[in-house]
Amino acid sequence: MLADIVSAIVASQTDFELVGDAVGTAGLALAASQAAADILIRGGRLQRREALRLLWRSPRMKIVTIDPDGHGGALYELRLDRSVLDEISPIALVAAIRGAENSNRRAAR
């Protein structure tokens, strides 16, 4: 039922095209790369390792997961982050490192 709802939402958008359907995760990376998918929508949660494997194969793709209850989900994407450090001082350097560290901890959740 959730898959039908998601398919209907995608189909209702004129600039979206549903290019395939897959069951399980075994052939998911291959199917997504063969379809040159921009976005992969998956019902259920995804382990970080599996998301990384999929994104490594198709780095421009985004993955949207939808929790089984349909009330939440997550977006996975590869993103290069760059922070400009205007004036390097001991305080600025420590703040930048702490900011990156905190960002990595939030992403790991």
Protein backbone atom coordinates (compact mmCIF):
# COMPACT_ATOMS: atom_id res chain seq x y z
CA MET A 1 0.00 0.00 0.00
CA LEU A 2 2.83 2.41 0.87
CA ALA A 3 4.49 1.65 -2.47
CA ASP A 4 1.23 2.49 -4.27
CA ILE A 5 0.97 5.82 -2.45
CA VAL A 6 4.58 6.75 -3.25
CA SER A 7 4.15 5.68 -6.89
CA ALA A 8 1.03 7.84 -7.18
CA ILE A 9 2.87 10.85 -5.74
CA VAL A 10 5.77 10.39 -8.16
CA ALA A 11 3.45 9.84 -11.12
CA SER A 12 1.53 13.03 -10.31
CA GLN A 13 4.63 15.15 -10.90
CA THR A 14 5.16 16.09 -14.55
CA ASP A 15 8.93 16.40 -14.12
CA PHE A 16 9.33 12.99 -12.41
CA GLU A 17 9.45 9.64 -14.13
CA LEU A 18 9.13 6.31 -12.40
CA VAL A 19 11.70 4.13 -14.18
CA GLY A 20 11.62 0.92 -12.21
CA ASP A 21 10.64 -1.10 -9.21
CA ALA A 22 12.78 -3.44 -7.14
CA VAL A 23 12.14 -5.83 -4.30
CA GLY A 24 14.84 -6.24 -1.66
CA THR A 25 18.31 -4.75 -1.78
CA ALA A 26 20.30 -7.41 -3.66
CA GLY A 27 20.02 -5.88 -7.13
CA LEU A 28 19.17 -2.37 -6.04
CA ALA A 29 22.53 -0.76 -6.85
CA LEU A 30 22.66 -2.31 -10.30
CA ALA A 31 19.05 -1.42 -11.11
CA ALA A 32 19.49 2.18 -9.96
CA SER A 33 22.68 2.69 -11.95
CA GLN A 34 21.26 1.04 -15.09
CA ALA A 35 18.21 3.30 -14.93
CA ALA A 36 20.48 6.32 -14.30
CA ALA A 37 18.17 7.18 -11.42
CA ASP A 38 18.35 10.64 -9.87
CA ILE A 39 16.37 9.56 -6.84
CA LEU A 40 15.83 6.15 -5.29
CA ILE A 41 12.80 5.84 -3.06
CA ARG A 42 12.81 2.90 -0.70
CA GLY A 43 10.21 1.73 1.74
CA GLY A 44 11.84 0.76 4.99
CA ARG A 45 15.02 1.76 6.68
CA LEU A 46 18.44 1.51 5.10
CA GLN A 47 21.69 0.72 6.85
CA ARG A 48 24.33 3.42 6.41
CA ARG A 49 26.70 0.92 4.81
CA GLU A 50 24.10 -0.04 2.20
CA ALA A 51 23.32 3.64 1.50
CA LEU A 52 27.02 4.36 1.05
CA ARG A 53 27.39 1.41 -1.32
CA LEU A 54 24.49 2.67 -3.43
CA LEU A 55 25.70 6.27 -3.44
CA TRP A 56 29.28 5.27 -4.24
CA ARG A 57 28.01 3.57 -7.36
CA SER A 58 25.78 6.53 -8.33
CA PRO A 59 27.21 9.58 -6.52
CA ARG A 60 24.67 12.09 -7.88
CA MET A 61 21.70 10.00 -6.83
CA LYS A 62 19.71 10.79 -3.72
CA ILE A 63 18.04 8.08 -1.65
CA VAL A 64 14.77 8.73 0.15
CA THR A 65 13.67 6.10 2.65
CA ILE A 66 10.19 5.98 4.08
CA ASP A 67 9.60 4.34 7.44
CA PRO A 68 7.21 1.37 7.38
CA ASP A 69 4.57 3.35 9.28
CA GLY A 70 4.76 6.10 6.64
CA HIS A 71 5.26 8.86 9.22
CA GLY A 72 8.95 9.53 8.73
CA GLY A 73 12.00 8.76 6.68
CA ALA A 74 15.45 9.93 5.73
CA LEU A 75 17.36 11.46 2.84
CA TYR A 76 20.80 10.12 1.95
CA GLU A 77 23.19 11.93 -0.38
CA LEU A 78 26.91 12.29 -0.90
CA ARG A 79 27.91 15.85 -0.25
CA LEU A 80 31.30 17.47 -0.18
CA ASP A 81 31.42 20.10 2.51
CA ARG A 82 33.87 22.99 2.61
CA SER A 83 34.09 25.62 5.32
CA VAL A 84 36.10 28.78 4.78
CA LEU A 85 38.34 29.74 7.67
CA ASP A 86 38.86 33.47 7.29
CA GLU A 87 41.37 34.17 10.03
CA ILE A 88 43.29 31.28 11.41
CA SER A 89 43.70 31.61 15.11
CA PRO A 90 43.88 28.94 17.78
CA ILE A 91 40.25 29.67 18.75
CA ALA A 92 39.00 29.61 15.13
CA LEU A 93 40.88 26.39 14.39
CA VAL A 94 39.48 24.61 17.45
CA ALA A 95 35.96 25.88 16.67
CA ALA A 96 36.18 24.59 13.08
CA ILE A 97 37.37 21.17 14.24
CA ARG A 98 34.65 20.96 16.88
CA GLY A 99 32.04 22.01 14.33
CA ALA A 100 33.13 19.28 11.91
CA GLU A 101 33.23 16.74 14.72
CA ASN A 102 29.70 17.65 15.86
CA SER A 103 28.47 17.55 12.27
CA ASN A 104 29.87 14.02 11.83
CA ARG A 105 28.23 12.86 15.05
CA ARG A 106 24.83 14.22 13.94
CA ALA A 107 25.18 12.54 10.55
CA ALA A 108 25.98 9.19 12.17
CA ARG A 109 22.65 9.09 13.95
